[in-house]
Amino acid sequence: MPISVKLDELLYQRRMTLTELAEKVDITLANLSILKTGKAKAMRFSTLEAICRELDCQPGDLLGYDAD
């Protein structure tokens, strides 16, 4: 898939676990794991906003586009 999710890197930089982020953005750990592994087909803007707020990042920091 040409869209990549860089959640692992952001969590590592902020010394936060996936479980902590799930609690802060009020999303299930299972759904956040699906997003982290790149298996998600869609994401609500409200979820993207909550993740960016908690990780203090921009959407472009979280998502990437790989043309290859």
N, C-alpha and C. Protein backbone atom coordinates (compact mmCIF):
# COMPACT_ATOMS: atom_id res chain seq x y z
N MET A 1 0.84 -1.18 0.00
CA MET A 1 0.00 0.00 0.00
C MET A 1 0.89 1.25 0.00
N PRO A 2 0.60 2.21 -0.84
CA PRO A 2 1.47 3.39 -0.95
C PRO A 2 1.38 4.35 0.25
N ILE A 3 0.36 4.23 1.08
CA ILE A 3 0.26 5.08 2.27
C ILE A 3 0.89 4.32 3.44
N SER A 4 1.86 4.94 4.09
CA SER A 4 2.49 4.31 5.24
C SER A 4 2.15 5.08 6.52
N VAL A 5 2.06 4.35 7.60
CA VAL A 5 1.74 4.94 8.90
C VAL A 5 3.01 4.87 9.76
N LYS A 6 3.45 6.01 10.23
CA LYS A 6 4.71 6.09 10.99
C LYS A 6 4.45 6.22 12.49
N LEU A 7 3.46 5.48 12.95
CA LEU A 7 3.07 5.57 14.36
C LEU A 7 4.15 5.03 15.29
N ASP A 8 4.80 3.95 14.90
CA ASP A 8 5.86 3.38 15.73
C ASP A 8 6.96 4.39 16.03
N GLU A 9 7.38 5.10 15.00
CA GLU A 9 8.46 6.07 15.17
C GLU A 9 8.05 7.21 16.10
N LEU A 10 6.81 7.69 15.93
CA LEU A 10 6.34 8.79 16.77
C LEU A 10 6.19 8.35 18.22
N LEU A 11 5.67 7.15 18.43
CA LEU A 11 5.54 6.63 19.79
C LEU A 11 6.91 6.48 20.44
N TYR A 12 7.87 5.97 19.70
CA TYR A 12 9.22 5.79 20.23
C TYR A 12 9.84 7.14 20.61
N GLN A 13 9.68 8.14 19.73
CA GLN A 13 10.24 9.46 19.99
C GLN A 13 9.63 10.10 21.24
N ARG A 14 8.35 9.81 21.48
CA ARG A 14 7.66 10.42 22.61
C ARG A 14 7.65 9.52 23.85
N ARG A 15 8.31 8.38 23.74
CA ARG A 15 8.38 7.41 24.84
C ARG A 15 6.98 7.09 25.38
N MET A 16 6.10 6.73 24.46
CA MET A 16 4.72 6.41 24.79
C MET A 16 4.40 5.03 24.23
N THR A 17 3.59 4.28 24.94
CA THR A 17 3.19 2.96 24.44
C THR A 17 1.90 3.08 23.64
N LEU A 18 1.63 2.07 22.86
CA LEU A 18 0.40 2.03 22.09
C LEU A 18 -0.80 2.02 23.02
N THR A 19 -0.69 1.33 24.13
CA THR A 19 -1.78 1.27 25.12
C THR A 19 -2.06 2.64 25.70
N GLU A 20 -1.02 3.40 26.03
CA GLU A 20 -1.20 4.75 26.56
C GLU A 20 -1.90 5.64 25.54
N LEU A 21 -1.48 5.57 24.29
CA LEU A 21 -2.09 6.38 23.25
C LEU A 21 -3.54 5.99 23.06
N ALA A 22 -3.83 4.71 23.06
CA ALA A 22 -5.21 4.24 22.89
C ALA A 22 -6.12 4.82 23.97
N GLU A 23 -5.64 4.84 25.21
CA GLU A 23 -6.43 5.40 26.31
C GLU A 23 -6.62 6.90 26.15
N LYS A 24 -5.59 7.60 25.70
CA LYS A 24 -5.67 9.06 25.58
C LYS A 24 -6.58 9.51 24.44
N VAL A 25 -6.63 8.75 23.36
CA VAL A 25 -7.45 9.16 22.21
C VAL A 25 -8.79 8.42 22.18
N ASP A 26 -9.03 7.58 23.19
CA ASP A 26 -10.29 6.86 23.32
C ASP A 26 -10.60 6.01 22.08
N ILE A 27 -9.64 5.18 21.73
CA ILE A 27 -9.79 4.24 20.62
C ILE A 27 -9.33 2.88 21.15
N THR A 28 -9.92 1.81 20.66
CA THR A 28 -9.53 0.50 21.16
C THR A 28 -8.10 0.19 20.74
N LEU A 29 -7.44 -0.58 21.57
CA LEU A 29 -6.07 -1.00 21.27
C LEU A 29 -6.03 -1.79 19.97
N ALA A 30 -7.05 -2.61 19.74
CA ALA A 30 -7.11 -3.41 18.51
C ALA A 30 -7.17 -2.51 17.28
N ASN A 31 -8.01 -1.48 17.31
CA ASN A 31 -8.12 -0.58 16.16
C ASN A 31 -6.84 0.23 15.95
N LEU A 32 -6.21 0.62 17.04
CA LEU A 32 -4.96 1.36 16.91
C LEU A 32 -3.86 0.45 16.36
N SER A 33 -3.87 -0.81 16.74
CA SER A 33 -2.90 -1.77 16.20
C SER A 33 -3.08 -1.97 14.71
N ILE A 34 -4.34 -2.04 14.27
CA ILE A 34 -4.64 -2.16 12.84
C ILE A 34 -4.09 -0.95 12.08
N LEU A 35 -4.25 0.22 12.65
CA LEU A 35 -3.72 1.43 12.04
C LEU A 35 -2.19 1.38 12.00
N LYS A 36 -1.59 0.99 13.11
CA LYS A 36 -0.12 0.96 13.22
C LYS A 36 0.51 0.01 12.21
N THR A 37 -0.12 -1.12 11.97
CA THR A 37 0.44 -2.11 11.05
C THR A 37 0.14 -1.81 9.59
N GLY A 38 -0.61 -0.75 9.33
CA GLY A 38 -0.91 -0.38 7.95
C GLY A 38 -2.04 -1.17 7.33
N LYS A 39 -2.81 -1.88 8.14
CA LYS A 39 -3.91 -2.70 7.63
C LYS A 39 -5.23 -1.94 7.58
N ALA A 40 -5.26 -0.73 8.12
CA ALA A 40 -6.49 0.07 8.12
C ALA A 40 -6.79 0.56 6.71
N LYS A 41 -8.04 0.54 6.34
CA LYS A 41 -8.47 1.02 5.03
C LYS A 41 -8.93 2.47 5.08
N ALA A 42 -9.24 2.95 6.28
CA ALA A 42 -9.74 4.32 6.44
C ALA A 42 -9.47 4.78 7.86
N MET A 43 -9.52 6.10 8.04
CA MET A 43 -9.37 6.68 9.37
C MET A 43 -10.24 7.93 9.42
N ARG A 44 -10.96 8.09 10.50
CA ARG A 44 -11.77 9.29 10.67
C ARG A 44 -10.85 10.49 10.94
N PHE A 45 -11.27 11.65 10.47
CA PHE A 45 -10.50 12.86 10.74
C PHE A 45 -10.45 13.13 12.23
N SER A 46 -11.51 12.80 12.95
CA SER A 46 -11.51 13.02 14.40
C SER A 46 -10.45 12.15 15.09
N THR A 47 -10.25 10.94 14.58
CA THR A 47 -9.21 10.06 15.12
C THR A 47 -7.83 10.61 14.79
N LEU A 48 -7.65 11.04 13.55
CA LEU A 48 -6.38 11.65 13.14
C LEU A 48 -6.08 12.89 13.97
N GLU A 49 -7.08 13.71 14.21
CA GLU A 49 -6.91 14.91 15.02
C GLU A 49 -6.51 14.55 16.45
N ALA A 50 -7.16 13.56 17.03
CA ALA A 50 -6.85 13.15 18.41
C ALA A 50 -5.43 12.60 18.52
N ILE A 51 -5.03 11.79 17.56
CA ILE A 51 -3.67 11.24 17.58
C ILE A 51 -2.65 12.36 17.44
N CYS A 52 -2.87 13.27 16.52
CA CYS A 52 -1.95 14.39 16.32
C CYS A 52 -1.89 15.28 17.56
N ARG A 53 -3.02 15.48 18.21
CA ARG A 53 -3.05 16.29 19.43
C ARG A 53 -2.21 15.63 20.53
N GLU A 54 -2.40 14.34 20.74
CA GLU A 54 -1.69 13.64 21.82
C GLU A 54 -0.21 13.45 21.53
N LEU A 55 0.15 13.28 20.26
CA LEU A 55 1.55 13.10 19.90
C LEU A 55 2.24 14.41 19.52
N ASP A 56 1.48 15.51 19.55
CA ASP A 56 2.00 16.83 19.20
C ASP A 56 2.71 16.78 17.85
N CYS A 57 1.94 16.37 16.84
CA CYS A 57 2.51 16.24 15.50
C CYS A 57 1.50 16.72 14.46
N GLN A 58 1.94 16.78 13.22
CA GLN A 58 1.09 17.11 12.09
C GLN A 58 0.71 15.80 11.38
N PRO A 59 -0.41 15.80 10.63
CA PRO A 59 -0.79 14.58 9.90
C PRO A 59 0.33 14.04 9.01
N GLY A 60 1.12 14.93 8.43
CA GLY A 60 2.23 14.50 7.58
C GLY A 60 3.34 13.81 8.35
N ASP A 61 3.41 14.05 9.66
CA ASP A 61 4.39 13.34 10.49
C ASP A 61 3.95 11.90 10.72
N LEU A 62 2.65 11.68 10.69
CA LEU A 62 2.08 10.37 10.96
C LEU A 62 1.91 9.52 9.71
N LEU A 63 1.59 10.17 8.60
CA LEU A 63 1.32 9.46 7.36
C LEU A 63 2.35 9.80 6.29
N GLY A 64 2.69 8.83 5.48
CA GLY A 64 3.61 9.05 4.37
C GLY A 64 3.06 8.44 3.10
N TYR A 65 3.58 8.88 1.97
CA TYR A 65 3.17 8.35 0.67
C TYR A 65 4.40 7.81 -0.04
N ASP A 66 4.36 6.52 -0.36
CA ASP A 66 5.46 5.87 -1.06
C ASP A 66 4.99 5.51 -2.46
N ALA A 67 5.49 6.22 -3.45
CA ALA A 67 5.03 6.02 -4.83
C ALA A 67 5.45 4.68 -5.42
N ASP A 68 6.49 4.07 -4.90
CA ASP A 68 6.98 2.81 -5.47
C ASP A 68 6.07 1.67 -5.15
